[in-house]
C-alpha atoms as a PDB file:
ATOM      1  CA  MET A   1       0.000   0.000   0.000  1.00  0.00           C
ATOM      2  CA  LYS A   2       1.365   3.406  -0.955  1.00  0.00           C
ATOM      3  CA  LEU A   3      -0.077   6.875  -0.643  1.00  0.00           C
ATOM      4  CA  SER A   4      -1.353   7.969  -4.036  1.00  0.00           C
ATOM      5  CA  GLY A   5       0.904  11.014  -4.058  1.00  0.00           C
ATOM      6  CA  LYS A   6      -2.174  13.146  -4.627  1.00  0.00           C
ATOM      7  CA  LEU A   7      -1.580  16.670  -3.342  1.00  0.00           C
ATOM      8  CA  ASN A   8      -5.086  18.024  -3.591  1.00  0.00           C
ATOM      9  CA  TYR A   9      -7.486  16.156  -1.349  1.00  0.00           C
ATOM     10  CA  ASN A  10     -11.082  17.369  -1.376  1.00  0.00           C
ATOM     11  CA  THR A  11     -11.349  16.947   2.382  1.00  0.00           C
ATOM     12  CA  ALA A  12      -9.064  16.273   5.280  1.00  0.00           C
ATOM     13  CA  SER A  13     -10.969  13.043   5.883  1.00  0.00           C
ATOM     14  CA  GLU A  14     -10.100  11.866   2.346  1.00  0.00           C
ATOM     15  CA  PHE A  15      -6.401  12.203   3.201  1.00  0.00           C
ATOM     16  CA  ASP A  16      -6.911  10.789   6.703  1.00  0.00           C
ATOM     17  CA  LYS A  17      -8.539   7.644   5.301  1.00  0.00           C
ATOM     18  CA  GLU A  18      -5.759   7.012   2.798  1.00  0.00           C
ATOM     19  CA  PHE A  19      -3.079   7.628   5.438  1.00  0.00           C
ATOM     20  CA  ALA A  20      -4.899   5.455   8.012  1.00  0.00           C
ATOM     21  CA  ASP A  21      -5.124   2.621   5.474  1.00  0.00           C
ATOM     22  CA  LEU A  22      -1.373   2.839   5.008  1.00  0.00           C
ATOM     23  CA  LEU A  23      -0.674   2.850   8.749  1.00  0.00           C
ATOM     24  CA  ASN A  24      -3.006  -0.088   9.344  1.00  0.00           C
ATOM     25  CA  ASP A  25      -0.772  -2.238   7.183  1.00  0.00           C
ATOM     26  CA  VAL A  26       2.628  -1.369   8.633  1.00  0.00           C
ATOM     27  CA  SER A  27       4.016  -4.646   7.354  1.00  0.00           C
ATOM     28  CA  GLU A  28       4.316  -2.947   3.972  1.00  0.00           C
ATOM     29  CA  ILE A  29       6.326   0.015   5.222  1.00  0.00           C
ATOM     30  CA  ARG A  30       9.952  -0.396   4.235  1.00  0.00           C
ATOM     31  CA  ILE A  31      12.809   2.030   4.775  1.00  0.00           C
ATOM     32  CA  ASP A  32      16.006   1.623   2.827  1.00  0.00           C
ATOM     33  CA  MET A  33      18.597   3.070   5.204  1.00  0.00           C
ATOM     34  CA  SER A  34      20.968   3.736   2.300  1.00  0.00           C
ATOM     35  CA  ASP A  35      18.494   6.344   1.040  1.00  0.00           C
ATOM     36  CA  LEU A  36      18.640   8.363   4.252  1.00  0.00           C
ATOM     37  CA  VAL A  37      20.698  11.511   4.328  1.00  0.00           C
ATOM     38  CA  TYR A  38      22.211  12.408   7.675  1.00  0.00           C
ATOM     39  CA  MET A  39      22.005  16.146   8.169  1.00  0.00           C
ATOM     40  CA  THR A  40      21.786  18.404  11.169  1.00  0.00           C
ATOM     41  CA  THR A  41      18.748  20.622  11.612  1.00  0.00           C
ATOM     42  CA  ALA A  42      20.885  23.634  10.724  1.00  0.00           C
ATOM     43  CA  GLU A  43      21.962  21.950   7.478  1.00  0.00           C
ATOM     44  CA  ILE A  44      18.373  21.126   6.563  1.00  0.00           C
ATOM     45  CA  VAL A  45      17.201  24.691   7.213  1.00  0.00           C
ATOM     46  CA  ARG A  46      20.157  26.109   5.292  1.00  0.00           C
ATOM     47  CA  ASP A  47      19.207  24.020   2.274  1.00  0.00           C
ATOM     48  CA  MET A  48      15.546  25.029   2.146  1.00  0.00           C
ATOM     49  CA  GLY A  49      13.689  28.197   1.366  1.00  0.00           C
ATOM     50  CA  HIS A  50      11.460  29.604   4.079  1.00  0.00           C
ATOM     51  CA  LEU A  51       8.324  31.701   3.749  1.00  0.00           C
ATOM     52  CA  GLY A  52       7.692  32.340   7.431  1.00  0.00           C
ATOM     53  CA  ASN A  53       5.077  34.920   8.381  1.00  0.00           C
ATOM     54  CA  THR A  54       3.096  33.997   5.284  1.00  0.00           C
ATOM     55  CA  LEU A  55       0.104  31.829   6.192  1.00  0.00           C
ATOM     56  CA  GLU A  56       0.751  31.439   9.897  1.00  0.00           C
ATOM     57  CA  SER A  57      -0.359  34.739  11.371  1.00  0.00           C
ATOM     58  CA  CYS A  58      -3.359  34.332  13.629  1.00  0.00           C
ATOM     59  CA  GLY A  59      -5.318  36.203  16.244  1.00  0.00           C
ATOM     60  CA  ASP A  60      -8.327  38.409  16.797  1.00  0.00           C
ATOM     61  CA  TRP A  61      -6.196  41.520  16.268  1.00  0.00           C
ATOM     62  CA  ILE A  62      -5.931  40.936  12.494  1.00  0.00           C
ATOM     63  CA  GLN A  63      -7.796  43.668  10.627  1.00  0.00           C
ATOM     64  CA  GLY A  64     -10.290  42.121   8.194  1.00  0.00           C
ATOM     65  CA  LYS A  65     -11.190  38.517   7.606  1.00  0.00           C
ATOM     66  CA  THR A  66      -9.908  37.837   4.097  1.00  0.00           C
ATOM     67  CA  VAL A  67      -7.154  35.476   3.044  1.00  0.00           C
ATOM     68  CA  THR A  68      -5.003  38.466   2.104  1.00  0.00           C
ATOM     69  CA  ASN A  69      -5.521  40.043   5.550  1.00  0.00           C
ATOM     70  CA  TYR A  70      -4.108  36.920   7.209  1.00  0.00           C
ATOM     71  CA  GLU A  71      -1.300  36.480   4.677  1.00  0.00           C
ATOM     72  CA  THR A  72      -0.009  40.019   5.118  1.00  0.00           C
ATOM     73  CA  ALA A  73      -0.783  40.546   8.839  1.00  0.00           C
ATOM     74  CA  TRP A  74       2.797  39.941   9.985  1.00  0.00           C
ATOM     75  CA  GLY A  75       4.388  42.004   7.231  1.00  0.00           C
ATOM     76  CA  SER A  76       4.730  39.428   4.462  1.00  0.00           C
ATOM     77  CA  PRO A  77       3.768  40.582   1.002  1.00  0.00           C
ATOM     78  CA  VAL A  78       1.224  38.551  -0.943  1.00  0.00           C
ATOM     79  CA  ILE A  79       3.339  35.682  -2.242  1.00  0.00           C
ATOM     80  CA  THR A  80       3.221  35.186  -6.001  1.00  0.00           C
ATOM     81  CA  GLU A  81       4.017  32.187  -8.160  1.00  0.00           C
ATOM     82  CA  ASP A  82       6.976  34.164  -9.557  1.00  0.00           C
ATOM     83  CA  MET A  83       8.393  34.521  -6.027  1.00  0.00           C
ATOM     84  CA  ILE A  84       8.166  30.765  -5.529  1.00  0.00           C
ATOM     85  CA  LYS A  85       9.836  30.171  -8.894  1.00  0.00           C
ATOM     86  CA  GLY A  86      12.559  32.562  -7.741  1.00  0.00           C
ATOM     87  CA  TYR A  87      13.362  30.217  -4.847  1.00  0.00           C
ATOM     88  CA  LYS A  88      13.588  27.310  -7.305  1.00  0.00           C
ATOM     89  CA  ASN A  89      15.788  29.320  -9.664  1.00  0.00           C
ATOM     90  CA  ALA A  90      18.048  30.178  -6.716  1.00  0.00           C
ATOM     91  CA  GLY A  91      18.641  26.451  -6.192  1.00  0.00           C
ATOM     92  CA  PHE A  92      16.147  25.586  -3.449  1.00  0.00           C
ATOM     93  CA  ASP A  93      14.348  22.264  -3.879  1.00  0.00           C
ATOM     94  CA  THR A  94      12.303  22.604  -0.681  1.00  0.00           C
ATOM     95  CA  LEU A  95      10.222  25.533   0.464  1.00  0.00           C
ATOM     96  CA  ARG A  96       8.864  25.692   4.026  1.00  0.00           C
ATOM     97  CA  VAL A  97       5.529  27.488   4.318  1.00  0.00           C
ATOM     98  CA  PRO A  98       4.148  27.489   7.882  1.00  0.00           C
ATOM     99  CA  ILE A  99       0.343  27.454   7.927  1.00  0.00           C
ATOM    100  CA  ALA A 100      -2.038  28.255  10.786  1.00  0.00           C
ATOM    101  CA  TRP A 101      -5.021  25.990  10.223  1.00  0.00           C
ATOM    102  CA  SER A 102      -7.040  27.973  12.772  1.00  0.00           C
ATOM    103  CA  ASN A 103      -7.352  30.838  10.304  1.00  0.00           C
ATOM    104  CA  LEU A 104     -10.648  31.335   8.539  1.00  0.00           C
ATOM    105  CA  ARG A 105     -12.409  28.246   9.809  1.00  0.00           C
ATOM    106  CA  ASN A 106     -15.966  27.963  11.022  1.00  0.00           C
ATOM    107  CA  ASP A 107     -17.273  26.455  14.256  1.00  0.00           C
ATOM    108  CA  LYS A 108     -17.410  23.023  12.564  1.00  0.00           C
ATOM    109  CA  TYR A 109     -13.679  23.333  11.781  1.00  0.00           C
ATOM    110  CA  ASP A 110     -14.293  23.642   8.036  1.00  0.00           C
ATOM    111  CA  ILE A 111     -11.513  25.746   6.544  1.00  0.00           C
ATOM    112  CA  ASP A 112     -12.516  28.548   4.210  1.00  0.00           C
ATOM    113  CA  PRO A 113     -12.255  27.327   0.571  1.00  0.00           C
ATOM    114  CA  GLY A 114     -10.401  30.517  -0.413  1.00  0.00           C
ATOM    115  CA  TYR A 115      -7.771  29.829   2.269  1.00  0.00           C
ATOM    116  CA  MET A 116      -7.377  26.238   1.053  1.00  0.00           C
ATOM    117  CA  GLU A 117      -7.027  27.484  -2.521  1.00  0.00           C
ATOM    118  CA  ARG A 118      -4.267  29.819  -1.337  1.00  0.00           C
ATOM    119  CA  VAL A 119      -2.489  26.950   0.453  1.00  0.00           C
ATOM    120  CA  ASP A 120      -2.759  24.849  -2.729  1.00  0.00           C
ATOM    121  CA  MET A 121      -0.935  27.578  -4.657  1.00  0.00           C
ATOM    122  CA  PHE A 122       2.200  26.660  -2.724  1.00  0.00           C
ATOM    123  CA  CYS A 123       1.859  22.925  -3.500  1.00  0.00           C
ATOM    124  CA  TYR A 124       2.896  22.485  -7.083  1.00  0.00           C
END
């Protein structure tokens, strides 16, 4: 059993089910130790791009309730696809984008579709 590699799940429960199915059959999980790279945390961070303060700002103090209000609340500009490509062109293969899942969700914990669309923009 392998995860499908699908990046865009319609719901969290769709991902949860696929992941749970994988974990329920741990006999199929294999790790080839020769594939592991031993790096310190500092080395890992050095080798990745980082878009902190992008989708992680949260709190009642944020002015407005739009995706853009949350994205720019801590001083980050609105991130564009060209900016992300710039990281790739600079040699980064990994880009860390912290996300606060408490933003723009309702009392049933459904996340605003516009926020999810914005998150998906980073996952290509």
